[in-house]
Amino acid sequence: MKIQKRSGKVVDFDEVKIEIVLDKAFSDFPEIDTKDVKKAKSSIVSVIREDAALHQDSDDLFSVEDCQDLIQSTLRKLGYRKVANKFKEVREERAFNRELAVVFDT
């Protein structure tokens, strides 16, 4: 399975990267049981795999943005609204920092 990075480069899908992102997202919420975190990570990776499989032709590649959208919406569907909000906040901050980097690199 392939995923398109922001740079346009197409790479193999790596679920470990998603698990790392989710570990970071859940780390701010130590009250959430480890078993629940593991179950949520598994569910989210499954949803992403299913959706990415639908976008495998070269005209409609699954992107990093698609992946992040699914993470955020699936966290909400699973009842982890606070985690989804934190994920969104960090995502927006990183997007802003990328934009700043582009502005100051020119």
N, C-alpha and C. Protein backbone atom coordinates (compact mmCIF):
# COMPACT_ATOMS: atom_id res chain seq x y z
N MET A 1 0.85 -1.16 0.00
CA MET A 1 0.00 0.00 0.00
C MET A 1 0.90 1.24 0.00
N LYS A 2 0.47 2.26 -0.72
CA LYS A 2 1.25 3.49 -0.88
C LYS A 2 0.54 4.68 -0.27
N ILE A 3 1.33 5.69 0.09
CA ILE A 3 0.80 6.94 0.61
C ILE A 3 1.62 8.08 0.02
N GLN A 4 0.95 9.19 -0.26
CA GLN A 4 1.65 10.33 -0.85
C GLN A 4 1.97 11.35 0.23
N LYS A 5 3.26 11.67 0.34
CA LYS A 5 3.71 12.64 1.32
C LYS A 5 3.40 14.06 0.83
N ARG A 6 3.56 15.03 1.70
CA ARG A 6 3.30 16.43 1.34
C ARG A 6 4.19 16.89 0.19
N SER A 7 5.38 16.34 0.12
CA SER A 7 6.33 16.71 -0.92
C SER A 7 5.92 16.17 -2.29
N GLY A 8 4.94 15.26 -2.30
CA GLY A 8 4.50 14.63 -3.54
C GLY A 8 5.11 13.25 -3.72
N LYS A 9 6.12 12.95 -2.93
CA LYS A 9 6.78 11.65 -3.00
C LYS A 9 5.81 10.55 -2.54
N VAL A 10 5.84 9.42 -3.23
CA VAL A 10 4.99 8.29 -2.89
C VAL A 10 5.85 7.24 -2.19
N VAL A 11 5.41 6.84 -1.00
CA VAL A 11 6.17 5.89 -0.19
C VAL A 11 5.25 4.77 0.28
N ASP A 12 5.86 3.70 0.79
CA ASP A 12 5.08 2.61 1.37
C ASP A 12 4.42 3.08 2.66
N PHE A 13 3.21 2.62 2.87
CA PHE A 13 2.47 2.92 4.09
C PHE A 13 3.19 2.28 5.27
N ASP A 14 3.40 3.04 6.34
CA ASP A 14 4.10 2.55 7.53
C ASP A 14 3.22 2.79 8.75
N GLU A 15 2.54 1.74 9.19
CA GLU A 15 1.62 1.91 10.32
C GLU A 15 2.34 2.25 11.62
N VAL A 16 3.63 1.96 11.71
CA VAL A 16 4.40 2.30 12.90
C VAL A 16 4.39 3.81 13.11
N LYS A 17 4.47 4.56 12.03
CA LYS A 17 4.44 6.03 12.14
C LYS A 17 3.11 6.50 12.72
N ILE A 18 2.03 5.85 12.36
CA ILE A 18 0.72 6.21 12.89
C ILE A 18 0.65 5.87 14.37
N GLU A 19 1.19 4.72 14.74
CA GLU A 19 1.19 4.33 16.15
C GLU A 19 2.01 5.31 16.99
N ILE A 20 3.12 5.81 16.43
CA ILE A 20 3.94 6.79 17.14
C ILE A 20 3.16 8.08 17.36
N VAL A 21 2.49 8.53 16.31
CA VAL A 21 1.67 9.75 16.41
C VAL A 21 0.58 9.57 17.46
N LEU A 22 -0.06 8.42 17.45
CA LEU A 22 -1.13 8.17 18.41
C LEU A 22 -0.59 8.06 19.83
N ASP A 23 0.58 7.45 20.00
CA ASP A 23 1.20 7.40 21.33
C ASP A 23 1.43 8.81 21.86
N LYS A 24 1.90 9.69 20.99
CA LYS A 24 2.12 11.09 21.39
C LYS A 24 0.80 11.76 21.74
N ALA A 25 -0.22 11.51 20.93
CA ALA A 25 -1.53 12.13 21.18
C ALA A 25 -2.12 11.67 22.51
N PHE A 26 -2.01 10.40 22.80
CA PHE A 26 -2.57 9.86 24.04
C PHE A 26 -1.70 10.16 25.26
N SER A 27 -0.44 10.52 25.05
CA SER A 27 0.47 10.73 26.18
C SER A 27 0.04 11.88 27.08
N ASP A 28 -0.73 12.81 26.55
CA ASP A 28 -1.23 13.92 27.36
C ASP A 28 -2.43 13.54 28.21
N PHE A 29 -2.87 12.30 28.08
CA PHE A 29 -4.06 11.84 28.78
C PHE A 29 -3.77 10.53 29.52
N PRO A 30 -2.96 10.61 30.60
CA PRO A 30 -2.56 9.39 31.31
C PRO A 30 -3.73 8.67 31.98
N GLU A 31 -4.87 9.34 32.09
CA GLU A 31 -6.04 8.70 32.69
C GLU A 31 -6.66 7.65 31.78
N ILE A 32 -6.28 7.64 30.50
CA ILE A 32 -6.81 6.64 29.56
C ILE A 32 -5.98 5.37 29.70
N ASP A 33 -6.66 4.29 29.98
CA ASP A 33 -6.03 2.99 30.22
C ASP A 33 -5.21 2.53 29.02
N THR A 34 -4.08 1.92 29.28
CA THR A 34 -3.18 1.43 28.23
C THR A 34 -3.88 0.46 27.28
N LYS A 35 -4.73 -0.39 27.83
CA LYS A 35 -5.48 -1.34 26.98
C LYS A 35 -6.38 -0.60 26.01
N ASP A 36 -7.01 0.47 26.48
CA ASP A 36 -7.89 1.26 25.63
C ASP A 36 -7.11 1.96 24.53
N VAL A 37 -5.92 2.45 24.88
CA VAL A 37 -5.06 3.11 23.89
C VAL A 37 -4.66 2.11 22.81
N LYS A 38 -4.27 0.92 23.23
CA LYS A 38 -3.87 -0.12 22.27
C LYS A 38 -5.03 -0.49 21.35
N LYS A 39 -6.21 -0.62 21.92
CA LYS A 39 -7.41 -0.95 21.13
C LYS A 39 -7.73 0.17 20.15
N ALA A 40 -7.63 1.43 20.60
CA ALA A 40 -7.92 2.58 19.74
C ALA A 40 -6.91 2.64 18.59
N LYS A 41 -5.63 2.42 18.90
CA LYS A 41 -4.60 2.44 17.86
C LYS A 41 -4.88 1.39 16.80
N SER A 42 -5.25 0.20 17.24
CA SER A 42 -5.55 -0.89 16.31
C SER A 42 -6.75 -0.53 15.42
N SER A 43 -7.78 0.03 16.02
CA SER A 43 -8.97 0.42 15.26
C SER A 43 -8.64 1.50 14.24
N ILE A 44 -7.87 2.48 14.64
CA ILE A 44 -7.53 3.58 13.75
C ILE A 44 -6.68 3.10 12.59
N VAL A 45 -5.69 2.26 12.87
CA VAL A 45 -4.85 1.73 11.79
C VAL A 45 -5.70 0.91 10.82
N SER A 46 -6.65 0.15 11.32
CA SER A 46 -7.54 -0.63 10.44
C SER A 46 -8.37 0.27 9.54
N VAL A 47 -8.92 1.34 10.11
CA VAL A 47 -9.73 2.28 9.33
C VAL A 47 -8.87 2.91 8.24
N ILE A 48 -7.67 3.30 8.58
CA ILE A 48 -6.77 3.93 7.61
C ILE A 48 -6.40 2.95 6.51
N ARG A 49 -6.09 1.72 6.87
CA ARG A 49 -5.76 0.70 5.86
C ARG A 49 -6.92 0.49 4.88
N GLU A 50 -8.12 0.40 5.42
CA GLU A 50 -9.31 0.19 4.56
C GLU A 50 -9.50 1.36 3.62
N ASP A 51 -9.43 2.58 4.13
CA ASP A 51 -9.66 3.75 3.30
C ASP A 51 -8.52 3.93 2.29
N ALA A 52 -7.30 3.70 2.72
CA ALA A 52 -6.16 3.84 1.81
C ALA A 52 -6.25 2.84 0.66
N ALA A 53 -6.76 1.65 0.93
CA ALA A 53 -6.90 0.63 -0.11
C ALA A 53 -7.83 1.10 -1.23
N LEU A 54 -8.77 1.97 -0.89
CA LEU A 54 -9.70 2.49 -1.88
C LEU A 54 -9.06 3.55 -2.79
N HIS A 55 -7.90 4.05 -2.40
CA HIS A 55 -7.25 5.15 -3.11
C HIS A 55 -5.91 4.72 -3.71
N GLN A 56 -5.83 3.54 -4.22
CA GLN A 56 -4.53 3.05 -4.65
C GLN A 56 -4.20 3.26 -6.12
N ASP A 57 -5.12 3.79 -6.90
CA ASP A 57 -4.73 4.05 -8.28
C ASP A 57 -3.94 5.36 -8.34
N SER A 58 -3.16 5.54 -9.36
CA SER A 58 -2.23 6.68 -9.42
C SER A 58 -2.94 8.02 -9.50
N ASP A 59 -4.21 8.04 -9.89
CA ASP A 59 -4.94 9.30 -9.97
C ASP A 59 -5.53 9.74 -8.63
N ASP A 60 -5.58 8.85 -7.68
CA ASP A 60 -6.25 9.15 -6.41
C ASP A 60 -5.49 8.52 -5.26
N LEU A 61 -4.23 8.91 -5.08
CA LEU A 61 -3.43 8.34 -4.00
C LEU A 61 -3.88 8.85 -2.64
N PHE A 62 -3.78 8.01 -1.66
CA PHE A 62 -4.06 8.35 -0.27
C PHE A 62 -2.92 9.25 0.21
N SER A 63 -3.25 10.38 0.82
CA SER A 63 -2.22 11.33 1.22
C SER A 63 -2.05 11.37 2.74
N VAL A 64 -1.00 12.03 3.15
CA VAL A 64 -0.75 12.24 4.58
C VAL A 64 -1.93 13.01 5.19
N GLU A 65 -2.43 14.00 4.46
CA GLU A 65 -3.57 14.78 4.95
C GLU A 65 -4.81 13.90 5.12
N ASP A 66 -5.04 13.01 4.15
CA ASP A 66 -6.17 12.06 4.27
C ASP A 66 -6.01 11.22 5.53
N CYS A 67 -4.80 10.77 5.76
CA CYS A 67 -4.49 9.94 6.92
C CYS A 67 -4.78 10.71 8.21
N GLN A 68 -4.32 11.95 8.28
CA GLN A 68 -4.54 12.75 9.49
C GLN A 68 -6.02 13.04 9.70
N ASP A 69 -6.74 13.29 8.62
CA ASP A 69 -8.19 13.51 8.73
C ASP A 69 -8.87 12.29 9.32
N LEU A 70 -8.47 11.11 8.85
CA LEU A 70 -9.06 9.87 9.36
C LEU A 70 -8.71 9.63 10.82
N ILE A 71 -7.49 9.93 11.20
CA ILE A 71 -7.09 9.76 12.60
C ILE A 71 -7.99 10.63 13.47
N GLN A 72 -8.12 11.87 13.09
CA GLN A 72 -8.91 12.82 13.86
C GLN A 72 -10.38 12.39 13.95
N SER A 73 -10.98 12.04 12.82
CA SER A 73 -12.40 11.66 12.84
C SER A 73 -12.62 10.33 13.56
N THR A 74 -11.70 9.41 13.42
CA THR A 74 -11.86 8.11 14.09
C THR A 74 -11.69 8.26 15.60
N LEU A 75 -10.78 9.12 16.03
CA LEU A 75 -10.65 9.38 17.47
C LEU A 75 -11.99 9.89 18.02
N ARG A 76 -12.62 10.77 17.29
CA ARG A 76 -13.92 11.31 17.73
C ARG A 76 -14.99 10.21 17.77
N LYS A 77 -15.04 9.40 16.71
CA LYS A 77 -16.03 8.33 16.65
C LYS A 77 -15.85 7.32 17.79
N LEU A 78 -14.60 7.12 18.20
CA LEU A 78 -14.32 6.17 19.28
C LEU A 78 -14.55 6.79 20.66
N GLY A 79 -14.89 8.08 20.68
CA GLY A 79 -15.18 8.74 21.95
C GLY A 79 -14.01 9.46 22.59
N TYR A 80 -12.93 9.61 21.86
CA TYR A 80 -11.74 10.28 22.39
C TYR A 80 -11.69 11.73 21.86
N ARG A 81 -12.70 12.52 22.23
CA ARG A 81 -12.82 13.89 21.73
C ARG A 81 -11.66 14.77 22.18
N LYS A 82 -11.25 14.64 23.44
CA LYS A 82 -10.14 15.46 23.94
C LYS A 82 -8.85 15.13 23.20
N VAL A 83 -8.62 13.86 22.95
CA VAL A 83 -7.42 13.44 22.23
C VAL A 83 -7.49 13.97 20.79
N ALA A 84 -8.66 13.87 20.18
CA ALA A 84 -8.85 14.38 18.81
C ALA A 84 -8.60 15.88 18.75
N ASN A 85 -9.09 16.61 19.75
CA ASN A 85 -8.86 18.05 19.79
C ASN A 85 -7.38 18.39 19.95
N LYS A 86 -6.69 17.64 20.78
CA LYS A 86 -5.25 17.85 20.97
C LYS A 86 -4.50 17.52 19.68
N PHE A 87 -4.89 16.44 19.03
CA PHE A 87 -4.28 16.04 17.76
C PHE A 87 -4.47 17.16 16.73
N LYS A 88 -5.68 17.71 16.68
CA LYS A 88 -5.98 18.79 15.74
C LYS A 88 -5.12 20.02 16.05
N GLU A 89 -5.01 20.35 17.32
CA GLU A 89 -4.21 21.50 17.75
C GLU A 89 -2.75 21.36 17.33
N VAL A 90 -2.17 20.20 17.58
CA VAL A 90 -0.78 19.95 17.21
C VAL A 90 -0.63 19.96 15.69
N ARG A 91 -1.57 19.37 15.00
CA ARG A 91 -1.55 19.34 13.53
C ARG A 91 -1.56 20.75 12.95
N GLU A 92 -2.43 21.60 13.49
CA GLU A 92 -2.51 22.99 13.01
C GLU A 92 -1.23 23.76 13.32
N GLU A 93 -0.68 23.52 14.49
CA GLU A 93 0.58 24.18 14.87
C GLU A 93 1.71 23.77 13.92
N ARG A 94 1.79 22.50 13.62
CA ARG A 94 2.83 22.02 12.71
C ARG A 94 2.64 22.56 11.30
N ALA A 95 1.40 22.67 10.84
CA ALA A 95 1.12 23.24 9.52
C ALA A 95 1.56 24.70 9.49
N PHE A 96 1.27 25.43 10.55
CA PHE A 96 1.68 26.83 10.64
C PHE A 96 3.20 26.94 10.59
N ASN A 97 3.88 26.07 11.34
CA ASN A 97 5.35 26.09 11.35
C ASN A 97 5.94 25.75 9.99
N ARG A 98 5.29 24.83 9.25
CA ARG A 98 5.75 24.51 7.90
C ARG A 98 5.62 25.73 6.99
N GLU A 99 4.49 26.43 7.13
CA GLU A 99 4.28 27.63 6.33
C GLU A 99 5.31 28.71 6.65
N LEU A 100 5.61 28.88 7.92
CA LEU A 100 6.62 29.84 8.33
C LEU A 100 7.98 29.49 7.74
N ALA A 101 8.29 28.22 7.77
CA ALA A 101 9.58 27.76 7.25
C ALA A 101 9.69 28.08 5.77
N VAL A 102 8.61 27.91 5.04
CA VAL A 102 8.61 28.23 3.60
C VAL A 102 8.82 29.72 3.39
N VAL A 103 8.14 30.53 4.18
CA VAL A 103 8.25 31.98 4.04
C VAL A 103 9.67 32.45 4.32
N PHE A 104 10.27 31.92 5.36
CA PHE A 104 11.60 32.37 5.75
C PHE A 104 12.73 31.69 5.00
N ASP A 105 12.43 30.62 4.27
CA ASP A 105 13.44 29.96 3.46
C ASP A 105 13.60 30.63 2.10
N THR A 106 12.66 31.48 1.72
CA THR A 106 12.75 32.12 0.41
C THR A 106 13.47 33.43 0.47
